[in-house]
N, C-alpha and C. Protein backbone atom coordinates (compact mmCIF):
# COMPACT_ATOMS: atom_id res chain seq x y z
N MET A 1 -12.34 3.07 -8.84
CA MET A 1 -11.25 2.12 -8.69
C MET A 1 -10.22 2.70 -7.73
N VAL A 2 -9.83 1.91 -6.77
CA VAL A 2 -8.76 2.28 -5.86
C VAL A 2 -7.49 1.63 -6.38
N VAL A 3 -6.47 2.43 -6.59
CA VAL A 3 -5.19 1.91 -7.05
C VAL A 3 -4.23 1.89 -5.87
N GLU A 4 -3.70 0.73 -5.59
CA GLU A 4 -2.75 0.53 -4.48
C GLU A 4 -1.40 0.15 -5.09
N PRO A 5 -0.55 1.16 -5.34
CA PRO A 5 0.75 0.84 -5.94
C PRO A 5 1.77 0.43 -4.90
N GLY A 6 2.67 -0.41 -5.33
CA GLY A 6 3.83 -0.73 -4.52
C GLY A 6 4.87 0.35 -4.75
N ALA A 7 6.12 0.01 -4.58
CA ALA A 7 7.21 0.96 -4.78
C ALA A 7 7.60 1.00 -6.24
N PHE A 8 7.51 2.17 -6.83
CA PHE A 8 7.86 2.35 -8.24
C PHE A 8 9.06 3.27 -8.35
N ARG A 9 9.89 3.00 -9.33
CA ARG A 9 11.12 3.75 -9.51
C ARG A 9 10.81 5.10 -10.14
N THR A 10 10.27 5.97 -9.31
CA THR A 10 9.99 7.35 -9.70
C THR A 10 10.83 8.26 -8.82
N ASP A 11 10.63 9.54 -8.94
CA ASP A 11 11.38 10.48 -8.12
C ASP A 11 10.63 10.83 -6.83
N PHE A 12 9.60 10.07 -6.50
CA PHE A 12 8.81 10.35 -5.30
C PHE A 12 9.68 10.42 -4.06
N ALA A 13 10.63 9.50 -3.93
CA ALA A 13 11.50 9.48 -2.76
C ALA A 13 12.82 10.17 -3.02
N GLY A 14 12.96 10.80 -4.18
CA GLY A 14 14.20 11.49 -4.53
C GLY A 14 14.07 12.98 -4.33
N ARG A 15 14.45 13.74 -5.36
CA ARG A 15 14.49 15.19 -5.23
C ARG A 15 13.11 15.80 -5.01
N SER A 16 12.03 15.11 -5.39
CA SER A 16 10.70 15.67 -5.20
C SER A 16 10.21 15.55 -3.76
N LEU A 17 10.92 14.81 -2.95
CA LEU A 17 10.55 14.66 -1.54
C LEU A 17 11.19 15.81 -0.77
N THR A 18 10.36 16.78 -0.38
CA THR A 18 10.88 17.89 0.40
C THR A 18 10.54 17.68 1.86
N GLN A 19 11.36 18.22 2.72
CA GLN A 19 11.16 18.03 4.15
C GLN A 19 11.76 19.20 4.91
N ALA A 20 11.39 19.31 6.16
CA ALA A 20 11.92 20.36 7.01
C ALA A 20 13.43 20.15 7.21
N VAL A 21 14.15 21.24 7.33
CA VAL A 21 15.59 21.15 7.54
C VAL A 21 15.88 20.51 8.89
N GLU A 22 15.14 20.91 9.91
CA GLU A 22 15.35 20.39 11.25
C GLU A 22 14.32 19.31 11.56
N PRO A 23 14.74 18.10 11.90
CA PRO A 23 13.78 17.07 12.27
C PRO A 23 13.10 17.42 13.60
N ILE A 24 11.87 16.98 13.75
CA ILE A 24 11.11 17.20 14.98
C ILE A 24 11.16 15.91 15.79
N ASP A 25 11.76 15.98 16.97
CA ASP A 25 11.97 14.80 17.79
C ASP A 25 10.69 14.03 18.08
N ASP A 26 9.57 14.75 18.26
CA ASP A 26 8.29 14.09 18.57
C ASP A 26 7.84 13.15 17.46
N TYR A 27 8.35 13.36 16.25
CA TYR A 27 7.95 12.53 15.12
C TYR A 27 9.00 11.48 14.76
N ALA A 28 10.03 11.36 15.54
CA ALA A 28 11.15 10.48 15.21
C ALA A 28 10.71 9.04 14.97
N GLU A 29 9.77 8.53 15.76
CA GLU A 29 9.36 7.13 15.64
C GLU A 29 8.17 6.93 14.71
N THR A 30 7.63 8.02 14.15
CA THR A 30 6.49 7.89 13.23
C THR A 30 6.92 8.42 11.86
N ALA A 31 6.50 9.64 11.54
CA ALA A 31 6.83 10.23 10.24
C ALA A 31 8.34 10.40 10.06
N GLY A 32 9.05 10.56 11.16
CA GLY A 32 10.49 10.74 11.08
C GLY A 32 11.21 9.56 10.45
N ARG A 33 10.61 8.40 10.54
CA ARG A 33 11.23 7.21 9.93
C ARG A 33 11.28 7.31 8.42
N ARG A 34 10.49 8.21 7.86
CA ARG A 34 10.40 8.35 6.41
C ARG A 34 11.27 9.50 5.89
N ARG A 35 12.06 10.10 6.76
CA ARG A 35 12.89 11.23 6.31
C ARG A 35 13.85 10.78 5.21
N LYS A 36 14.15 11.69 4.35
CA LYS A 36 14.97 11.41 3.17
C LYS A 36 16.32 10.79 3.53
N GLU A 37 16.95 11.29 4.59
CA GLU A 37 18.28 10.75 4.90
C GLU A 37 18.23 9.30 5.35
N HIS A 38 17.05 8.82 5.71
CA HIS A 38 16.90 7.42 6.08
C HIS A 38 16.39 6.57 4.91
N ASP A 39 16.16 7.22 3.79
CA ASP A 39 15.62 6.51 2.63
C ASP A 39 16.72 5.71 1.96
N THR A 40 16.57 4.40 1.97
CA THR A 40 17.56 3.53 1.34
C THR A 40 17.02 2.86 0.09
N VAL A 41 15.78 3.19 -0.30
CA VAL A 41 15.18 2.51 -1.44
C VAL A 41 15.17 3.35 -2.72
N HIS A 42 15.42 4.66 -2.61
CA HIS A 42 15.35 5.49 -3.81
C HIS A 42 16.32 4.97 -4.87
N GLY A 43 15.76 4.74 -6.04
CA GLY A 43 16.56 4.23 -7.14
C GLY A 43 16.65 2.72 -7.21
N THR A 44 16.07 2.05 -6.21
CA THR A 44 16.09 0.58 -6.21
C THR A 44 14.69 -0.02 -6.18
N GLN A 45 13.66 0.84 -6.28
CA GLN A 45 12.30 0.34 -6.24
C GLN A 45 12.08 -0.66 -7.39
N PRO A 46 11.30 -1.72 -7.12
CA PRO A 46 11.14 -2.75 -8.13
C PRO A 46 10.15 -2.40 -9.25
N GLY A 47 9.26 -1.45 -9.02
CA GLY A 47 8.21 -1.17 -9.99
C GLY A 47 8.67 -0.32 -11.15
N ASP A 48 8.15 -0.64 -12.33
CA ASP A 48 8.43 0.09 -13.56
C ASP A 48 7.26 1.03 -13.83
N PRO A 49 7.45 2.35 -13.71
CA PRO A 49 6.35 3.29 -13.90
C PRO A 49 5.68 3.19 -15.27
N ALA A 50 6.45 2.91 -16.31
CA ALA A 50 5.86 2.80 -17.65
C ALA A 50 4.91 1.60 -17.72
N LYS A 51 5.30 0.50 -17.08
CA LYS A 51 4.43 -0.68 -17.06
C LYS A 51 3.17 -0.41 -16.23
N ALA A 52 3.32 0.35 -15.15
CA ALA A 52 2.16 0.69 -14.32
C ALA A 52 1.18 1.55 -15.11
N ALA A 53 1.71 2.54 -15.82
CA ALA A 53 0.85 3.41 -16.63
C ALA A 53 0.12 2.61 -17.70
N ALA A 54 0.82 1.70 -18.36
CA ALA A 54 0.20 0.87 -19.39
C ALA A 54 -0.87 -0.03 -18.78
N ALA A 55 -0.58 -0.59 -17.62
CA ALA A 55 -1.56 -1.46 -16.95
C ALA A 55 -2.80 -0.67 -16.58
N LEU A 56 -2.63 0.54 -16.07
CA LEU A 56 -3.78 1.38 -15.71
C LEU A 56 -4.63 1.69 -16.94
N MET A 57 -3.99 2.03 -18.03
CA MET A 57 -4.73 2.30 -19.27
C MET A 57 -5.51 1.07 -19.72
N ASP A 58 -4.86 -0.09 -19.69
CA ASP A 58 -5.53 -1.33 -20.09
C ASP A 58 -6.74 -1.62 -19.22
N VAL A 59 -6.58 -1.44 -17.91
CA VAL A 59 -7.68 -1.72 -16.99
C VAL A 59 -8.83 -0.76 -17.22
N VAL A 60 -8.53 0.53 -17.34
CA VAL A 60 -9.59 1.53 -17.55
C VAL A 60 -10.30 1.27 -18.88
N GLU A 61 -9.55 0.98 -19.91
CA GLU A 61 -10.14 0.75 -21.23
C GLU A 61 -10.87 -0.59 -21.32
N SER A 62 -10.66 -1.47 -20.37
CA SER A 62 -11.32 -2.78 -20.39
C SER A 62 -12.81 -2.66 -20.15
N GLY A 63 -13.24 -1.57 -19.53
CA GLY A 63 -14.66 -1.40 -19.22
C GLY A 63 -15.11 -2.21 -18.02
N LYS A 64 -14.22 -2.90 -17.35
CA LYS A 64 -14.59 -3.71 -16.19
C LYS A 64 -13.53 -3.57 -15.09
N ALA A 65 -13.22 -2.32 -14.77
CA ALA A 65 -12.20 -2.04 -13.76
C ALA A 65 -12.60 -2.63 -12.42
N PRO A 66 -11.65 -3.16 -11.68
CA PRO A 66 -11.95 -3.72 -10.36
C PRO A 66 -12.15 -2.60 -9.34
N TYR A 67 -12.70 -2.96 -8.20
CA TYR A 67 -12.81 -2.00 -7.11
C TYR A 67 -11.42 -1.59 -6.66
N MET A 68 -10.51 -2.56 -6.56
CA MET A 68 -9.14 -2.30 -6.12
C MET A 68 -8.17 -2.94 -7.08
N LEU A 69 -7.17 -2.17 -7.47
CA LEU A 69 -6.13 -2.68 -8.35
C LEU A 69 -4.79 -2.54 -7.65
N LEU A 70 -4.15 -3.66 -7.41
CA LEU A 70 -2.82 -3.67 -6.80
C LEU A 70 -1.80 -3.65 -7.92
N LEU A 71 -0.79 -2.79 -7.79
CA LEU A 71 0.24 -2.70 -8.82
C LEU A 71 1.60 -3.02 -8.20
N GLY A 72 2.21 -4.07 -8.69
CA GLY A 72 3.54 -4.46 -8.22
C GLY A 72 3.47 -5.71 -7.36
N ASN A 73 4.51 -6.50 -7.44
CA ASN A 73 4.60 -7.71 -6.62
C ASN A 73 4.59 -7.37 -5.13
N ASP A 74 5.28 -6.28 -4.77
CA ASP A 74 5.31 -5.91 -3.35
C ASP A 74 3.93 -5.52 -2.84
N ALA A 75 3.15 -4.83 -3.65
CA ALA A 75 1.80 -4.46 -3.25
C ALA A 75 0.92 -5.71 -3.12
N SER A 76 1.03 -6.59 -4.08
CA SER A 76 0.23 -7.82 -4.05
C SER A 76 0.61 -8.70 -2.86
N ASP A 77 1.90 -8.89 -2.64
CA ASP A 77 2.35 -9.72 -1.52
C ASP A 77 1.93 -9.12 -0.18
N GLY A 78 2.10 -7.82 -0.04
CA GLY A 78 1.74 -7.15 1.21
C GLY A 78 0.26 -7.21 1.48
N PHE A 79 -0.55 -6.98 0.45
CA PHE A 79 -1.99 -7.02 0.64
C PHE A 79 -2.47 -8.42 0.97
N ARG A 80 -1.90 -9.42 0.32
CA ARG A 80 -2.28 -10.81 0.62
C ARG A 80 -1.92 -11.18 2.06
N ALA A 81 -0.81 -10.68 2.55
CA ALA A 81 -0.43 -10.94 3.95
C ALA A 81 -1.45 -10.32 4.89
N VAL A 82 -1.89 -9.12 4.58
CA VAL A 82 -2.93 -8.47 5.40
C VAL A 82 -4.23 -9.26 5.33
N LEU A 83 -4.60 -9.70 4.14
CA LEU A 83 -5.82 -10.50 4.00
C LEU A 83 -5.75 -11.78 4.82
N ASP A 84 -4.61 -12.46 4.78
CA ASP A 84 -4.44 -13.69 5.56
C ASP A 84 -4.61 -13.42 7.05
N THR A 85 -4.02 -12.34 7.53
CA THR A 85 -4.15 -11.98 8.95
C THR A 85 -5.59 -11.64 9.29
N LEU A 86 -6.25 -10.88 8.44
CA LEU A 86 -7.65 -10.54 8.68
C LEU A 86 -8.53 -11.79 8.70
N ARG A 87 -8.29 -12.71 7.76
CA ARG A 87 -9.08 -13.94 7.72
C ARG A 87 -8.90 -14.73 9.00
N GLN A 88 -7.68 -14.83 9.49
CA GLN A 88 -7.44 -15.54 10.75
C GLN A 88 -8.17 -14.89 11.91
N GLU A 89 -8.18 -13.58 11.94
CA GLU A 89 -8.86 -12.87 13.02
C GLU A 89 -10.38 -13.04 12.93
N VAL A 90 -10.92 -12.94 11.71
CA VAL A 90 -12.36 -13.15 11.52
C VAL A 90 -12.73 -14.57 11.94
N ASP A 91 -11.93 -15.53 11.54
CA ASP A 91 -12.19 -16.93 11.92
C ASP A 91 -12.13 -17.11 13.44
N ALA A 92 -11.15 -16.50 14.07
CA ALA A 92 -10.99 -16.67 15.52
C ALA A 92 -12.17 -16.09 16.30
N TRP A 93 -12.80 -15.06 15.77
CA TRP A 93 -13.89 -14.39 16.48
C TRP A 93 -15.26 -14.65 15.84
N GLU A 94 -15.33 -15.63 14.98
CA GLU A 94 -16.58 -15.88 14.26
C GLU A 94 -17.73 -16.23 15.21
N THR A 95 -17.47 -17.01 16.23
CA THR A 95 -18.54 -17.38 17.17
C THR A 95 -19.13 -16.13 17.82
N VAL A 96 -18.28 -15.23 18.24
CA VAL A 96 -18.76 -13.98 18.84
C VAL A 96 -19.53 -13.17 17.81
N SER A 97 -18.98 -13.05 16.61
CA SER A 97 -19.63 -12.28 15.55
C SER A 97 -21.03 -12.81 15.26
N ARG A 98 -21.17 -14.13 15.23
CA ARG A 98 -22.46 -14.74 14.89
C ARG A 98 -23.40 -14.85 16.08
N SER A 99 -22.96 -14.47 17.26
CA SER A 99 -23.79 -14.62 18.46
C SER A 99 -24.66 -13.40 18.76
N THR A 100 -24.64 -12.42 17.89
CA THR A 100 -25.29 -11.16 18.24
C THR A 100 -26.63 -10.90 17.58
N ASP A 101 -27.14 -11.87 16.82
CA ASP A 101 -28.46 -11.68 16.21
C ASP A 101 -29.56 -11.89 17.26
N LEU A 102 -30.71 -11.32 17.00
CA LEU A 102 -31.86 -11.56 17.88
C LEU A 102 -32.21 -13.04 17.87
N ASP A 103 -32.64 -13.54 19.02
CA ASP A 103 -33.08 -14.94 19.11
C ASP A 103 -34.45 -15.03 18.45
N SER A 104 -34.67 -16.12 17.72
CA SER A 104 -35.96 -16.29 17.04
C SER A 104 -37.01 -16.80 18.01
């Protein structure tokens, strides 16, 4: 089972997030965007860790765990947006995709 959690109110973005004292300019537009001083969500994440843990236990104990389990409204909404975009792209290129089989 792949677990895809959204943002949960844990200490992940708080004191447990360690980072270099000096930022590296080359990473400013990539990993640098995640530096602690730019973190505005710590303490405001919508997910409840206790509910996530209970949900995981329920799913595992159900005996029919899914391939992928999304946890949190933000995870579900984000993944559905990605799925919608992927479906549009697959639909747009379906003719090309289906044109590559051997001719009978």
